[in-house]
C-alpha atoms as a PDB file:
ATOM      1  CA  MET A   1       0.000   0.000   0.000  1.00  0.00           C
ATOM      2  CA  ARG A   2       2.787   2.425   0.848  1.00  0.00           C
ATOM      3  CA  ALA A   3       4.377   1.693  -2.540  1.00  0.00           C
ATOM      4  CA  GLY A   4       1.330   3.177  -4.240  1.00  0.00           C
ATOM      5  CA  HIS A   5      -0.708   0.049  -4.812  1.00  0.00           C
ATOM      6  CA  GLY A   6      -4.440   0.315  -4.291  1.00  0.00           C
ATOM      7  CA  PHE A   7      -6.516   3.456  -4.365  1.00  0.00           C
ATOM      8  CA  PRO A   8      -5.682   6.889  -2.911  1.00  0.00           C
ATOM      9  CA  GLY A   9      -6.056   6.881   0.857  1.00  0.00           C
ATOM     10  CA  ASP A  10      -6.094   3.080   1.154  1.00  0.00           C
ATOM     11  CA  ALA A  11      -2.803   2.896   3.064  1.00  0.00           C
ATOM     12  CA  GLU A  12      -4.046   5.281   5.732  1.00  0.00           C
ATOM     13  CA  ARG A  13      -7.429   3.560   6.000  1.00  0.00           C
ATOM     14  CA  LEU A  14      -5.779   0.134   6.220  1.00  0.00           C
ATOM     15  CA  ASP A  15      -3.498   1.362   9.017  1.00  0.00           C
ATOM     16  CA  ALA A  16      -6.445   2.850  10.890  1.00  0.00           C
ATOM     17  CA  GLU A  17      -8.640  -0.245  10.540  1.00  0.00           C
ATOM     18  CA  LEU A  18      -5.862  -2.588  11.624  1.00  0.00           C
ATOM     19  CA  ALA A  19      -4.913  -0.361  14.546  1.00  0.00           C
ATOM     20  CA  GLU A  20      -8.532  -0.206  15.669  1.00  0.00           C
ATOM     21  CA  GLN A  21      -8.831  -3.989  15.557  1.00  0.00           C
ATOM     22  CA  LEU A  22      -5.445  -4.754  17.068  1.00  0.00           C
ATOM     23  CA  LEU A  23      -5.713  -2.216  19.891  1.00  0.00           C
ATOM     24  CA  ARG A  24      -9.416  -2.763  20.551  1.00  0.00           C
ATOM     25  CA  ARG A  25      -8.972  -4.380  23.964  1.00  0.00           C
ATOM     26  CA  VAL A  26      -6.161  -2.151  25.235  1.00  0.00           C
ATOM     27  CA  PRO A  27      -7.324   0.995  27.022  1.00  0.00           C
ATOM     28  CA  MET A  28      -5.714   4.109  25.574  1.00  0.00           C
ATOM     29  CA  ASP A  29      -4.216   5.086  28.931  1.00  0.00           C
ATOM     30  CA  ARG A  30      -2.427   1.714  29.121  1.00  0.00           C
ATOM     31  CA  LEU A  31      -0.822   1.593  25.674  1.00  0.00           C
ATOM     32  CA  ASP A  32       2.602   2.025  27.263  1.00  0.00           C
ATOM     33  CA  GLN A  33       1.948  -1.219  29.153  1.00  0.00           C
ATOM     34  CA  VAL A  34       0.756  -3.188  26.126  1.00  0.00           C
ATOM     35  CA  ASP A  35       3.111  -6.068  26.901  1.00  0.00           C
ATOM     36  CA  GLN A  36       1.502  -6.344  30.354  1.00  0.00           C
ATOM     37  CA  VAL A  37      -2.142  -6.008  29.304  1.00  0.00           C
ATOM     38  CA  PRO A  38      -3.866  -9.197  28.211  1.00  0.00           C
ATOM     39  CA  ALA A  39      -5.145  -8.330  24.751  1.00  0.00           C
ATOM     40  CA  VAL A  40      -7.325 -10.653  22.735  1.00  0.00           C
ATOM     41  CA  VAL A  41      -7.087 -10.030  19.011  1.00  0.00           C
ATOM     42  CA  ASP A  42      -9.729 -11.353  16.663  1.00  0.00           C
ATOM     43  CA  LEU A  43      -7.460 -12.723  13.959  1.00  0.00           C
ATOM     44  CA  VAL A  44     -10.435 -13.520  11.730  1.00  0.00           C
ATOM     45  CA  ALA A  45     -11.340  -9.820  11.688  1.00  0.00           C
ATOM     46  CA  VAL A  46      -7.719  -8.905  10.933  1.00  0.00           C
ATOM     47  CA  ALA A  47      -7.649 -11.442   8.074  1.00  0.00           C
ATOM     48  CA  GLU A  48     -10.902 -10.012   6.677  1.00  0.00           C
ATOM     49  CA  ILE A  49      -9.451  -6.494   6.706  1.00  0.00           C
ATOM     50  CA  VAL A  50      -6.288  -7.639   4.927  1.00  0.00           C
ATOM     51  CA  ALA A  51      -8.317  -9.630   2.372  1.00  0.00           C
ATOM     52  CA  ALA A  52     -10.527  -6.627   1.621  1.00  0.00           C
ATOM     53  CA  TYR A  53      -7.524  -4.419   0.912  1.00  0.00           C
ATOM     54  CA  ARG A  54      -5.879  -7.189  -1.108  1.00  0.00           C
ATOM     55  CA  GLY A  55      -8.967  -7.116  -3.292  1.00  0.00           C
ATOM     56  CA  ARG A  56      -8.704  -3.350  -3.626  1.00  0.00           C
ATOM     57  CA  VAL A  57      -5.049  -3.656  -4.706  1.00  0.00           C
ATOM     58  CA  LEU A  58      -5.965  -6.275  -7.302  1.00  0.00           C
ATOM     59  CA  LEU A  59      -8.881  -4.152  -8.503  1.00  0.00           C
ATOM     60  CA  ALA A  60      -6.703  -1.051  -8.811  1.00  0.00           C
ATOM     61  CA  ALA A  61      -4.046  -3.038 -10.710  1.00  0.00           C
ATOM     62  CA  ASP A  62      -6.560  -4.333 -13.268  1.00  0.00           C
ATOM     63  CA  PRO A  63      -6.313  -2.110 -16.351  1.00  0.00           C
ATOM     64  CA  GLY A  64      -9.954  -2.806 -17.226  1.00  0.00           C
ATOM     65  CA  THR A  65     -11.185  -1.421 -13.916  1.00  0.00           C
ATOM     66  CA  SER A  66     -10.483   2.191 -14.801  1.00  0.00           C
ATOM     67  CA  ASP A  67     -12.212   1.818 -18.159  1.00  0.00           C
ATOM     68  CA  ALA A  68     -15.246   0.155 -16.549  1.00  0.00           C
ATOM     69  CA  VAL A  69     -15.537   2.870 -13.897  1.00  0.00           C
ATOM     70  CA  ASP A  70     -15.137   5.619 -16.497  1.00  0.00           C
ATOM     71  CA  GLN A  71     -17.857   4.020 -18.642  1.00  0.00           C
ATOM     72  CA  ALA A  72     -20.215   3.646 -15.661  1.00  0.00           C
ATOM     73  CA  VAL A  73     -19.711   7.302 -14.698  1.00  0.00           C
ATOM     74  CA  ALA A  74     -20.273   8.434 -18.282  1.00  0.00           C
ATOM     75  CA  ASP A  75     -23.477   6.357 -18.448  1.00  0.00           C
ATOM     76  CA  LEU A  76     -24.767   7.848 -15.185  1.00  0.00           C
ATOM     77  CA  LEU A  77     -23.955  11.380 -16.300  1.00  0.00           C
ATOM     78  CA  ALA A  78     -25.693  10.758 -19.644  1.00  0.00           C
ATOM     79  CA  ARG A  79     -28.788   9.484 -17.848  1.00  0.00           C
ATOM     80  CA  GLN A  80     -28.836  12.500 -15.563  1.00  0.00           C
ATOM     81  CA  GLY A  81     -28.525  14.803 -18.559  1.00  0.00           C
ATOM     82  CA  ALA A  82     -31.382  13.034 -20.319  1.00  0.00           C
ATOM     83  CA  GLU A  83     -33.774  13.417 -17.407  1.00  0.00           C
END
């Protein structure tokens, strides 16, 4: 993501979503004691987040995606203009 893969803002959103999930059970005032606080991480949720962003990277890398989005936007704009 940091290398520019995915869509604009994905890297920051991925970091935020992972941080929220990974730090969910650690009170903010005890972050400095994270090695002493028993934290339970839902690894399924973490895997789902990573898989979602993997899909976004693959979608952004597909050259046909941009063309399909451009066509869909043009169609919507044409319909709005016709109404």
